[in-house]
N, C-alpha and C. Protein backbone atom coordinates (compact mmCIF):
# COMPACT_ATOMS: atom_id res chain seq x y z
N MET A 1 91.10 -0.81 80.54
CA MET A 1 91.78 -1.85 79.79
C MET A 1 91.35 -3.20 80.37
N ASN A 2 91.05 -4.12 79.50
CA ASN A 2 90.68 -5.47 79.96
C ASN A 2 91.86 -6.42 79.77
N VAL A 3 91.68 -7.64 80.20
CA VAL A 3 92.76 -8.63 80.15
C VAL A 3 93.18 -8.92 78.71
N LYS A 4 92.24 -8.96 77.80
CA LYS A 4 92.56 -9.22 76.40
C LYS A 4 93.46 -8.12 75.83
N GLU A 5 93.14 -6.87 76.14
CA GLU A 5 93.97 -5.76 75.68
C GLU A 5 95.35 -5.80 76.34
N LEU A 6 95.37 -6.11 77.60
CA LEU A 6 96.63 -6.22 78.32
C LEU A 6 97.52 -7.30 77.71
N ALA A 7 96.94 -8.44 77.38
CA ALA A 7 97.68 -9.53 76.75
C ALA A 7 98.22 -9.09 75.39
N TRP A 8 97.41 -8.36 74.64
CA TRP A 8 97.84 -7.87 73.32
C TRP A 8 99.03 -6.93 73.47
N HIS A 9 98.96 -6.00 74.43
CA HIS A 9 100.07 -5.07 74.67
C HIS A 9 101.33 -5.82 75.09
N ALA A 10 101.16 -6.85 75.90
CA ALA A 10 102.32 -7.64 76.33
C ALA A 10 102.96 -8.35 75.13
N GLU A 11 102.16 -8.88 74.24
CA GLU A 11 102.69 -9.54 73.04
C GLU A 11 103.45 -8.55 72.16
N ILE A 12 102.90 -7.36 71.98
CA ILE A 12 103.56 -6.33 71.17
C ILE A 12 104.89 -5.94 71.81
N HIS A 13 104.89 -5.77 73.12
CA HIS A 13 106.12 -5.42 73.83
C HIS A 13 107.17 -6.52 73.66
N GLN A 14 106.77 -7.77 73.80
CA GLN A 14 107.68 -8.90 73.66
C GLN A 14 108.26 -8.96 72.24
N PHE A 15 107.41 -8.74 71.25
CA PHE A 15 107.86 -8.76 69.86
C PHE A 15 108.90 -7.66 69.62
N ARG A 16 108.63 -6.46 70.12
CA ARG A 16 109.59 -5.35 69.94
C ARG A 16 110.91 -5.65 70.65
N HIS A 17 110.80 -6.23 71.83
CA HIS A 17 112.00 -6.58 72.59
C HIS A 17 112.84 -7.60 71.81
N GLU A 18 112.18 -8.63 71.26
CA GLU A 18 112.88 -9.65 70.46
C GLU A 18 113.56 -9.01 69.26
N CYS A 19 112.87 -8.11 68.58
CA CYS A 19 113.45 -7.44 67.41
C CYS A 19 114.68 -6.63 67.80
N THR A 20 114.61 -5.94 68.93
CA THR A 20 115.74 -5.15 69.41
C THR A 20 116.93 -6.06 69.72
N LEU A 21 116.67 -7.18 70.38
CA LEU A 21 117.75 -8.11 70.70
C LEU A 21 118.39 -8.69 69.44
N LEU A 22 117.58 -9.01 68.45
CA LEU A 22 118.12 -9.56 67.21
C LEU A 22 118.94 -8.52 66.46
N LYS A 23 118.53 -7.26 66.50
CA LYS A 23 119.32 -6.19 65.88
C LYS A 23 120.65 -6.04 66.61
N MET A 24 120.62 -6.16 67.95
CA MET A 24 121.84 -6.08 68.73
C MET A 24 122.80 -7.21 68.33
N LEU A 25 122.27 -8.41 68.16
CA LEU A 25 123.09 -9.55 67.76
C LEU A 25 123.70 -9.31 66.38
N ASP A 26 122.92 -8.76 65.46
CA ASP A 26 123.45 -8.44 64.13
C ASP A 26 124.56 -7.39 64.23
N SER A 27 124.38 -6.41 65.10
CA SER A 27 125.43 -5.40 65.29
C SER A 27 126.69 -6.03 65.86
N LEU A 28 126.53 -6.95 66.80
CA LEU A 28 127.69 -7.63 67.38
C LEU A 28 128.44 -8.42 66.31
N ARG A 29 127.71 -8.98 65.37
CA ARG A 29 128.38 -9.71 64.27
C ARG A 29 129.37 -8.83 63.52
N GLY A 30 129.04 -7.54 63.38
CA GLY A 30 129.95 -6.61 62.71
C GLY A 30 131.14 -6.22 63.58
N ILE A 31 130.98 -6.32 64.88
CA ILE A 31 132.03 -5.92 65.81
C ILE A 31 132.92 -7.11 66.18
N ASP A 32 132.29 -8.21 66.53
CA ASP A 32 133.02 -9.41 66.94
C ASP A 32 132.27 -10.64 66.42
N PRO A 33 132.50 -10.98 65.15
CA PRO A 33 131.75 -12.09 64.56
C PRO A 33 131.96 -13.42 65.26
N LYS A 34 133.15 -13.65 65.82
CA LYS A 34 133.42 -14.93 66.47
C LYS A 34 132.52 -15.12 67.69
N VAL A 35 132.39 -14.11 68.52
CA VAL A 35 131.54 -14.22 69.72
C VAL A 35 130.09 -14.38 69.31
N ALA A 36 129.64 -13.57 68.35
CA ALA A 36 128.23 -13.65 67.91
C ALA A 36 127.91 -15.02 67.34
N GLU A 37 128.76 -15.51 66.47
CA GLU A 37 128.50 -16.82 65.85
C GLU A 37 128.60 -17.96 66.86
N ARG A 38 129.54 -17.83 67.79
CA ARG A 38 129.67 -18.88 68.81
C ARG A 38 128.43 -18.93 69.69
N ALA A 39 127.90 -17.78 70.05
CA ALA A 39 126.69 -17.74 70.88
C ALA A 39 125.52 -18.38 70.14
N VAL A 40 125.36 -18.07 68.86
CA VAL A 40 124.27 -18.67 68.08
C VAL A 40 124.49 -20.17 67.96
N TYR A 41 125.72 -20.59 67.76
CA TYR A 41 126.02 -22.01 67.64
C TYR A 41 125.71 -22.75 68.95
N VAL A 42 126.12 -22.17 70.07
CA VAL A 42 125.92 -22.82 71.37
C VAL A 42 124.44 -22.94 71.70
N PHE A 43 123.68 -21.88 71.45
CA PHE A 43 122.27 -21.89 71.81
C PHE A 43 121.37 -22.38 70.69
N ASP A 44 121.93 -22.55 69.50
CA ASP A 44 121.19 -23.07 68.35
C ASP A 44 119.95 -22.25 68.03
N ASP A 45 120.00 -20.96 68.36
CA ASP A 45 118.86 -20.08 68.14
C ASP A 45 119.32 -18.64 68.31
N LYS A 46 119.03 -17.78 67.34
CA LYS A 46 119.46 -16.39 67.42
C LYS A 46 118.84 -15.66 68.61
N ALA A 47 117.55 -15.87 68.83
CA ALA A 47 116.87 -15.17 69.94
C ALA A 47 117.44 -15.60 71.29
N ASP A 48 117.68 -16.90 71.46
CA ASP A 48 118.25 -17.39 72.72
C ASP A 48 119.66 -16.84 72.93
N ALA A 49 120.44 -16.79 71.87
CA ALA A 49 121.80 -16.25 71.96
C ALA A 49 121.74 -14.77 72.35
N ALA A 50 120.85 -14.03 71.73
CA ALA A 50 120.72 -12.60 72.03
C ALA A 50 120.28 -12.38 73.48
N HIS A 51 119.36 -13.19 73.95
CA HIS A 51 118.93 -13.10 75.35
C HIS A 51 120.11 -13.37 76.28
N TRP A 52 120.88 -14.40 75.99
CA TRP A 52 122.01 -14.75 76.84
C TRP A 52 123.01 -13.60 76.92
N LEU A 53 123.26 -12.95 75.81
CA LEU A 53 124.23 -11.86 75.78
C LEU A 53 123.83 -10.69 76.67
N THR A 54 122.55 -10.60 77.00
CA THR A 54 122.07 -9.48 77.81
C THR A 54 121.65 -9.90 79.22
N LYS A 55 121.97 -11.13 79.60
CA LYS A 55 121.59 -11.66 80.91
C LYS A 55 122.81 -11.68 81.83
N PRO A 56 122.67 -11.17 83.05
CA PRO A 56 123.81 -11.24 83.99
C PRO A 56 124.23 -12.70 84.23
N ILE A 57 125.53 -12.92 84.19
CA ILE A 57 126.10 -14.26 84.33
C ILE A 57 127.00 -14.28 85.57
N LEU A 58 126.75 -15.21 86.47
CA LEU A 58 127.53 -15.30 87.71
C LEU A 58 129.02 -15.43 87.46
N THR A 59 129.41 -16.30 86.54
CA THR A 59 130.84 -16.53 86.31
C THR A 59 131.53 -15.34 85.66
N LEU A 60 130.75 -14.36 85.21
CA LEU A 60 131.34 -13.12 84.69
C LEU A 60 131.27 -12.02 85.75
N GLY A 61 131.01 -12.42 86.98
CA GLY A 61 130.94 -11.45 88.06
C GLY A 61 129.58 -10.77 88.17
N GLY A 62 128.57 -11.40 87.59
CA GLY A 62 127.22 -10.84 87.68
C GLY A 62 126.90 -9.79 86.63
N ILE A 63 127.78 -9.64 85.66
CA ILE A 63 127.51 -8.70 84.57
C ILE A 63 127.10 -9.48 83.33
N THR A 64 126.58 -8.78 82.34
CA THR A 64 126.17 -9.45 81.11
C THR A 64 127.39 -9.72 80.23
N PRO A 65 127.28 -10.70 79.33
CA PRO A 65 128.37 -10.92 78.39
C PRO A 65 128.71 -9.67 77.56
N LEU A 66 127.70 -8.89 77.20
CA LEU A 66 127.99 -7.66 76.46
C LEU A 66 128.80 -6.68 77.30
N GLN A 67 128.47 -6.57 78.58
CA GLN A 67 129.25 -5.71 79.46
C GLN A 67 130.68 -6.23 79.58
N ALA A 68 130.83 -7.54 79.68
CA ALA A 68 132.17 -8.12 79.76
C ALA A 68 132.96 -7.83 78.49
N LEU A 69 132.30 -7.93 77.34
CA LEU A 69 132.97 -7.60 76.08
C LEU A 69 133.40 -6.14 76.07
N ALA A 70 132.55 -5.26 76.57
CA ALA A 70 132.87 -3.83 76.62
C ALA A 70 134.07 -3.56 77.53
N GLU A 71 134.26 -4.42 78.51
CA GLU A 71 135.39 -4.28 79.44
C GLU A 71 136.65 -4.97 78.91
N GLY A 72 136.58 -5.52 77.71
CA GLY A 72 137.75 -6.19 77.13
C GLY A 72 137.93 -7.62 77.59
N ARG A 73 136.87 -8.24 78.08
CA ARG A 73 136.95 -9.60 78.61
C ARG A 73 136.40 -10.62 77.61
N ARG A 74 136.79 -10.48 76.38
CA ARG A 74 136.32 -11.35 75.29
C ARG A 74 136.60 -12.82 75.57
N GLU A 75 137.80 -13.12 76.02
CA GLU A 75 138.17 -14.52 76.28
C GLU A 75 137.30 -15.12 77.39
N ASP A 76 136.93 -14.32 78.36
CA ASP A 76 136.04 -14.80 79.42
C ASP A 76 134.68 -15.19 78.85
N VAL A 77 134.16 -14.36 77.95
CA VAL A 77 132.86 -14.64 77.33
C VAL A 77 132.94 -15.91 76.50
N LEU A 78 134.00 -16.06 75.72
CA LEU A 78 134.17 -17.27 74.92
C LEU A 78 134.33 -18.50 75.82
N TRP A 79 135.02 -18.35 76.94
CA TRP A 79 135.19 -19.45 77.88
C TRP A 79 133.84 -19.91 78.44
N VAL A 80 132.99 -18.94 78.84
CA VAL A 80 131.67 -19.29 79.38
C VAL A 80 130.84 -19.98 78.31
N LEU A 81 130.88 -19.48 77.08
CA LEU A 81 130.15 -20.14 75.99
C LEU A 81 130.63 -21.58 75.82
N ASN A 82 131.92 -21.79 75.91
CA ASN A 82 132.48 -23.13 75.80
C ASN A 82 131.99 -24.02 76.93
N GLU A 83 131.94 -23.48 78.14
CA GLU A 83 131.45 -24.23 79.29
C GLU A 83 129.99 -24.64 79.08
N ILE A 84 129.18 -23.72 78.58
CA ILE A 84 127.77 -24.02 78.32
C ILE A 84 127.65 -25.09 77.25
N PHE A 85 128.43 -24.96 76.19
CA PHE A 85 128.38 -25.91 75.09
C PHE A 85 128.67 -27.33 75.55
N TYR A 86 129.65 -27.46 76.43
CA TYR A 86 130.02 -28.78 76.90
C TYR A 86 129.26 -29.22 78.15
N GLY A 87 128.23 -28.43 78.52
CA GLY A 87 127.34 -28.82 79.59
C GLY A 87 127.87 -28.62 80.99
N LEU A 88 128.86 -27.78 81.13
CA LEU A 88 129.40 -27.49 82.45
C LEU A 88 128.61 -26.33 83.05
N PRO A 89 128.50 -26.26 84.37
CA PRO A 89 127.72 -25.18 84.97
C PRO A 89 128.26 -23.82 84.62
N GLU A 90 127.35 -22.86 84.39
CA GLU A 90 127.85 -21.51 84.13
C GLU A 90 128.01 -20.83 85.41
């Protein structure tokens, strides 16, 4: 495999990952539309919102927002989104 092929495989992997994250965000809209829409509103981009939902967040104890939602910590997730929106440290 050469560098060009490696770069092509990396692009394909990234594209599939983005598609998976966007599907996850769409699924969240059916489960908790307020959190999904707030995340998109705060980040002004569906892909960025989806990435954030799957990234460990210090103020959530180092777990992802999706994990926090699964633990019933919806208000914590909305609070962190509010903090980000108003430019306060997460």
